[in-house]
Amino acid sequence: MDEWGVAMTLLLQEILNGIVVGSIYSLVALGLTLVYGVMEIPNFAHGHLYMLGAYIAFFLLTSAHFSYWPALLGAVVVLVVVGLLVERLVFNPLRKAPQVNAMIASVGVMLFLEALAQAIWGPNYLQMPTPYGNVLHIGALSVTQQQLLVVVAAIVMMVLLNLFLKRTMIGAAIEAVAQHREGALLVGIPSGRIAMLTFAIASGLAALAAVLVTPINLLFPAMGTMVIMKAFVIIVLGGMGSIPGAILGGYILALAESIGGAYISTNYQDLIAFAVLVLILSIRPAGLFARRA
């Protein structure tokens, strides 16, 4: 293979890696932007709900001896329940309080979940088992079955979520509350129940993303910290509360990190993420798909 072929192979490999990471970024950011759109709360605990979902799946796989798919489903169900409880016990009592109170409460939930995971599973890095570890070769490109699973599952979930929001009464109610909370109340939409349901859906999406990607990476109590930082970059980049923005922003960020890491340095991947944010916000200050007031 000549130098041009090698260069193109490297570029295509990094694009493929970026699509895999972007699929996870987009799933996590979707949940975060749903919660922000309906509740107008920047939920700093979202990354740690992601982390908890991974640990629940790890427990089901290694201690309860579930196979991969039942463990994934179990983690999603548990996190949906946890999301319901967190919204009812933590955020619902603060719905009429200043927004800063809910922000502080979300930080408290974040710290609690990290301490809980460390107390139960310890501080060490763990590896989640997967039956999809084989490497596939597509021409000169290499990809694992788990990476392909990440991309396919993420796309399917994005399509299903879009259909849910656009084609069902509950989805329409979620969008109505996100667009105008007071107006939704006036037409009889129970915004409190919608907020509870939205938080549960977001938590389930976080668990799904975590179980898909953790076999590729490592499992540890602080894994949610960087995830939530990236998710906030994505929803600001795409426009706060915008679902298309969360999806597109996730892929833009991941591709920028993957290609920048390959051609500049992996040491600057996180810096590249924030550089992309600054660049796009300098052109579109409200984000790519900012909601109109």
Protein backbone atom coordinates (compact mmCIF):
# COMPACT_ATOMS: atom_id res chain seq x y z
CA MET A 1 0.00 0.00 0.00
CA ASP A 2 1.41 3.42 -0.99
CA GLU A 3 1.59 6.44 1.32
CA TRP A 4 -1.71 7.84 0.02
CA GLY A 5 -3.46 4.55 0.74
CA VAL A 6 -2.01 4.41 4.25
CA ALA A 7 -3.10 7.98 4.92
CA MET A 8 -6.65 7.31 3.70
CA THR A 9 -6.86 4.11 5.74
CA LEU A 10 -5.80 5.99 8.87
CA LEU A 11 -8.35 8.72 8.21
CA LEU A 12 -11.18 6.24 7.60
CA GLN A 13 -10.22 4.27 10.72
CA GLU A 14 -10.37 7.42 12.84
CA ILE A 15 -13.72 8.39 11.30
CA LEU A 16 -15.03 4.92 12.17
CA ASN A 17 -13.72 5.27 15.73
CA GLY A 18 -15.33 8.70 15.94
CA ILE A 19 -18.70 7.32 14.83
CA VAL A 20 -18.54 4.67 17.58
CA VAL A 21 -17.71 7.21 20.29
CA GLY A 22 -20.19 9.72 18.85
CA SER A 23 -22.99 7.16 19.12
CA ILE A 24 -22.40 6.92 22.87
CA TYR A 25 -21.98 10.68 23.29
CA SER A 26 -25.26 11.25 21.47
CA LEU A 27 -27.19 8.70 23.57
CA VAL A 28 -25.96 10.25 26.82
CA ALA A 29 -26.56 13.81 25.59
CA LEU A 30 -30.07 12.89 24.44
CA GLY A 31 -31.08 12.00 27.99
CA LEU A 32 -29.47 15.13 29.38
CA THR A 33 -31.12 17.42 26.83
CA LEU A 34 -34.52 15.77 27.40
CA VAL A 35 -34.30 16.53 31.11
CA TYR A 36 -33.14 20.08 30.48
CA GLY A 37 -35.88 20.68 27.92
CA VAL A 38 -38.67 19.54 30.24
CA MET A 39 -37.35 20.50 33.69
CA GLU A 40 -34.86 23.26 32.76
CA ILE A 41 -32.37 21.65 35.14
CA PRO A 42 -28.74 20.97 34.17
CA ASN A 43 -28.58 17.52 35.76
CA PHE A 44 -24.95 17.11 36.84
CA ALA A 45 -25.77 13.62 38.16
CA HIS A 46 -26.58 12.28 34.70
CA GLY A 47 -23.04 10.95 34.13
CA HIS A 48 -23.15 9.10 37.43
CA LEU A 49 -26.47 7.50 36.55
CA TYR A 50 -24.59 6.31 33.45
CA MET A 51 -21.87 4.94 35.74
CA LEU A 52 -24.41 3.21 38.00
CA GLY A 53 -26.01 1.52 34.99
CA ALA A 54 -22.65 0.06 34.02
CA TYR A 55 -22.06 -1.29 37.53
CA ILE A 56 -25.54 -2.83 37.69
CA ALA A 57 -24.88 -4.66 34.41
CA PHE A 58 -21.45 -5.74 35.67
CA PHE A 59 -23.06 -7.19 38.81
CA LEU A 60 -25.70 -9.03 36.77
CA LEU A 61 -23.05 -10.44 34.43
CA THR A 62 -20.46 -11.50 36.99
CA SER A 63 -22.38 -12.21 40.20
CA ALA A 64 -25.92 -13.07 39.05
CA HIS A 65 -24.54 -14.88 35.94
CA PHE A 66 -26.89 -13.21 33.48
CA SER A 67 -25.99 -13.27 29.81
CA TYR A 68 -25.23 -9.96 28.09
CA TRP A 69 -28.67 -8.96 26.79
CA PRO A 70 -30.65 -9.77 29.96
CA ALA A 71 -27.98 -7.87 31.92
CA LEU A 72 -28.35 -4.87 29.60
CA LEU A 73 -32.14 -4.95 29.94
CA GLY A 74 -31.88 -5.39 33.72
CA ALA A 75 -29.57 -2.39 34.03
CA VAL A 76 -31.93 -0.23 31.97
CA VAL A 77 -34.94 -1.26 34.09
CA VAL A 78 -33.07 -0.63 37.36
CA LEU A 79 -31.93 2.81 36.17
CA VAL A 80 -35.45 3.70 35.04
CA VAL A 81 -36.60 2.96 38.61
CA VAL A 82 -33.65 4.88 40.07
CA GLY A 83 -34.49 7.80 37.79
CA LEU A 84 -38.10 7.79 38.99
CA LEU A 85 -36.96 7.79 42.61
CA VAL A 86 -34.38 10.55 42.12
CA GLU A 87 -36.88 12.80 40.36
CA ARG A 88 -39.60 12.24 42.98
CA LEU A 89 -37.38 12.43 46.07
CA VAL A 90 -34.81 15.03 45.01
CA PHE A 91 -36.01 17.24 42.16
CA ASN A 92 -39.78 17.26 42.50
CA PRO A 93 -39.74 18.91 45.97
CA LEU A 94 -37.54 21.66 44.48
CA ARG A 95 -39.70 22.41 41.44
CA LYS A 96 -40.77 25.82 42.82
CA ALA A 97 -37.39 26.66 44.34
CA PRO A 98 -34.69 28.71 42.54
CA GLN A 99 -32.90 26.75 39.82
CA VAL A 100 -29.62 26.87 41.72
CA ASN A 101 -31.16 24.66 44.43
CA ALA A 102 -31.82 21.89 41.92
CA MET A 103 -28.30 22.28 40.52
CA ILE A 104 -26.80 21.87 43.98
CA ALA A 105 -29.07 18.87 44.60
CA SER A 106 -27.87 17.24 41.37
CA VAL A 107 -24.26 17.68 42.50
CA GLY A 108 -25.22 16.01 45.79
CA VAL A 109 -26.75 13.05 43.92
CA MET A 110 -23.59 12.83 41.79
CA LEU A 111 -21.32 12.65 44.84
CA PHE A 112 -23.61 10.17 46.58
CA LEU A 113 -23.69 7.79 43.60
CA GLU A 114 -19.93 7.87 43.19
CA ALA A 115 -19.38 7.17 46.89
CA LEU A 116 -21.97 4.37 46.77
CA ALA A 117 -20.27 2.69 43.80
CA GLN A 118 -16.87 2.95 45.46
CA ALA A 119 -18.23 1.51 48.73
CA ILE A 120 -19.83 -1.48 46.97
CA TRP A 121 -17.41 -2.27 44.14
CA GLY A 122 -14.22 -0.53 45.29
CA PRO A 123 -12.05 2.07 43.55
CA ASN A 124 -10.25 -0.28 41.16
CA TYR A 125 -10.72 -0.45 37.42
CA LEU A 126 -12.87 -3.38 36.27
CA GLN A 127 -13.43 -4.99 32.88
CA MET A 128 -16.98 -5.81 31.82
CA PRO A 129 -17.22 -9.14 29.94
CA THR A 130 -18.84 -9.24 26.51
CA PRO A 131 -19.56 -12.03 24.01
CA TYR A 132 -18.87 -9.57 21.18
CA GLY A 133 -15.11 -9.11 21.47
CA ASN A 134 -14.10 -10.52 18.09
CA VAL A 135 -12.37 -8.19 15.64
CA LEU A 136 -13.85 -7.82 12.16
CA HIS A 137 -11.97 -6.53 9.14
CA ILE A 138 -13.74 -4.37 6.58
CA GLY A 139 -11.15 -3.96 3.89
CA ALA A 140 -8.17 -2.39 5.64
CA LEU A 141 -10.32 -1.18 8.56
CA SER A 142 -10.64 -3.00 11.89
CA VAL A 143 -13.68 -2.92 14.16
CA THR A 144 -14.89 -5.14 16.98
CA GLN A 145 -18.34 -6.65 17.11
CA GLN A 146 -19.01 -4.58 20.24
CA GLN A 147 -18.20 -1.35 18.38
CA LEU A 148 -20.62 -2.28 15.60
CA LEU A 149 -23.21 -3.11 18.24
CA VAL A 150 -22.74 0.34 19.76
CA VAL A 151 -23.41 2.10 16.46
CA VAL A 152 -26.39 -0.04 15.44
CA ALA A 153 -28.03 0.07 18.88
CA ALA A 154 -27.54 3.83 19.15
CA ILE A 155 -29.11 4.46 15.75
CA VAL A 156 -32.05 2.18 16.55
CA MET A 157 -32.64 3.95 19.89
CA MET A 158 -32.46 7.39 18.26
CA VAL A 159 -35.06 6.35 15.67
CA LEU A 160 -37.31 4.80 18.32
CA LEU A 161 -37.05 7.86 20.53
CA ASN A 162 -37.92 10.13 17.63
CA LEU A 163 -40.94 7.97 16.77
CA PHE A 164 -41.99 7.98 20.43
CA LEU A 165 -41.82 11.78 20.64
CA LYS A 166 -43.49 12.41 17.27
CA ARG A 167 -46.07 9.62 17.05
CA THR A 168 -47.39 9.06 20.58
CA MET A 169 -49.56 11.14 22.91
CA ILE A 170 -47.01 10.91 25.73
CA GLY A 171 -44.24 11.98 23.38
CA ALA A 172 -46.33 14.94 22.22
CA ALA A 173 -46.94 15.86 25.87
CA ILE A 174 -43.18 15.78 26.56
CA GLU A 175 -42.52 18.07 23.61
CA ALA A 176 -45.35 20.39 24.68
CA VAL A 177 -43.93 20.76 28.19
CA ALA A 178 -40.44 21.31 26.74
CA GLN A 179 -41.71 24.04 24.43
CA HIS A 180 -43.92 25.89 26.92
CA ARG A 181 -44.42 24.55 30.45
CA GLU A 182 -47.11 27.03 31.48
CA GLY A 183 -49.05 26.55 28.25
CA ALA A 184 -48.93 22.78 28.70
CA LEU A 185 -50.39 23.16 32.20
CA LEU A 186 -53.19 25.32 30.84
CA VAL A 187 -54.31 22.60 28.44
CA GLY A 188 -54.27 19.97 31.18
CA ILE A 189 -50.92 18.25 30.66
CA PRO A 190 -49.60 17.08 34.07
CA SER A 191 -46.10 18.56 33.90
CA GLY A 192 -45.05 16.85 37.13
CA ARG A 193 -45.74 13.38 35.74
CA ILE A 194 -44.14 14.30 32.43
CA ALA A 195 -41.00 15.44 34.28
CA MET A 196 -40.91 12.13 36.19
CA LEU A 197 -41.32 10.11 32.98
CA THR A 198 -38.69 12.16 31.15
CA PHE A 199 -36.16 11.67 33.94
CA ALA A 200 -36.82 7.93 33.88
CA ILE A 201 -36.32 7.76 30.09
CA ALA A 202 -33.09 9.78 30.36
CA SER A 203 -31.77 7.46 33.07
CA GLY A 204 -32.60 4.40 30.96
CA LEU A 205 -30.77 5.90 27.96
CA ALA A 206 -27.74 6.56 30.16
CA ALA A 207 -27.73 2.95 31.35
CA LEU A 208 -28.06 1.66 27.79
CA ALA A 209 -25.12 3.78 26.62
CA ALA A 210 -22.99 2.65 29.56
CA VAL A 211 -23.61 -1.07 29.05
CA LEU A 212 -22.88 -0.76 25.34
CA VAL A 213 -19.57 1.08 25.69
CA THR A 214 -18.10 -0.18 28.99
CA PRO A 215 -16.89 -3.51 27.51
CA ILE A 216 -14.72 -1.39 25.18
CA ASN A 217 -13.45 0.83 27.99
CA LEU A 218 -12.99 0.24 31.73
CA LEU A 219 -15.39 0.47 34.64
CA PHE A 220 -14.58 2.70 37.65
CA PRO A 221 -16.54 4.95 40.06
CA ALA A 222 -15.47 8.28 38.54
CA MET A 223 -16.21 7.29 34.93
CA GLY A 224 -19.28 9.51 34.86
CA THR A 225 -17.33 12.73 35.46
CA MET A 226 -15.77 13.05 32.01
CA VAL A 227 -18.94 11.73 30.38
CA ILE A 228 -21.08 14.49 31.90
CA MET A 229 -18.52 17.13 30.94
CA LYS A 230 -18.63 15.95 27.32
CA ALA A 231 -22.44 15.73 27.42
CA PHE A 232 -22.72 19.34 28.56
CA VAL A 233 -20.36 20.42 25.79
CA ILE A 234 -22.59 18.58 23.31
CA ILE A 235 -25.91 20.05 24.43
CA VAL A 236 -24.45 23.57 24.51
CA LEU A 237 -22.94 22.93 21.09
CA GLY A 238 -26.21 21.62 19.66
CA GLY A 239 -28.48 24.08 21.46
CA MET A 240 -29.85 23.60 24.96
CA GLY A 241 -32.92 21.35 24.84
CA SER A 242 -32.50 20.42 21.16
CA ILE A 243 -32.68 16.71 20.33
CA PRO A 244 -31.25 17.04 16.78
CA GLY A 245 -28.53 19.23 18.28
CA ALA A 246 -27.64 16.57 20.85
CA ILE A 247 -27.29 13.92 18.14
CA LEU A 248 -25.32 16.05 15.69
CA GLY A 249 -23.22 17.60 18.46
CA GLY A 250 -22.26 14.17 19.76
CA TYR A 251 -20.92 13.06 16.40
CA ILE A 252 -19.17 16.36 15.67
CA LEU A 253 -17.40 16.26 19.03
CA ALA A 254 -16.36 12.60 18.74
CA LEU A 255 -15.07 12.99 15.18
CA ALA A 256 -13.10 16.09 16.16
CA GLU A 257 -11.54 14.22 19.09
CA SER A 258 -10.75 11.10 17.07
CA ILE A 259 -9.24 12.86 14.06
CA GLY A 260 -7.51 15.50 16.18
CA GLY A 261 -6.05 12.83 18.46
CA ALA A 262 -4.67 10.95 15.47
CA TYR A 263 -3.15 13.91 13.66
CA ILE A 264 -2.19 16.14 16.59
CA SER A 265 -1.89 14.18 19.85
CA THR A 266 -4.14 12.04 22.04
CA ASN A 267 -2.98 14.20 24.95
CA TYR A 268 -5.05 17.06 23.52
CA GLN A 269 -8.30 15.20 22.84
CA ASP A 270 -10.20 16.86 25.68
CA LEU A 271 -8.78 20.26 24.73
CA ILE A 272 -9.95 19.68 21.16
CA ALA A 273 -13.49 19.12 22.44
CA PHE A 274 -13.62 22.52 24.09
CA ALA A 275 -11.87 24.18 21.14
CA VAL A 276 -14.63 22.89 18.85
CA LEU A 277 -17.21 24.26 21.29
CA VAL A 278 -15.63 27.72 21.27
CA LEU A 279 -15.30 27.72 17.48
CA ILE A 280 -18.92 26.80 16.78
CA LEU A 281 -20.33 29.08 19.49
CA SER A 282 -18.33 31.97 18.04
CA ILE A 283 -20.28 31.43 14.80
CA ARG A 284 -23.64 30.40 16.33
CA PRO A 285 -23.71 31.64 19.95
CA ALA A 286 -26.97 29.85 20.77
CA GLY A 287 -25.80 26.50 19.37
CA LEU A 288 -26.49 24.68 16.11
CA PHE A 289 -30.17 23.97 16.78
CA ALA A 290 -31.14 26.48 19.46
CA ARG A 291 -34.80 26.38 20.42
CA ARG A 292 -36.69 29.52 19.56
CA ALA A 293 -38.18 31.39 22.47
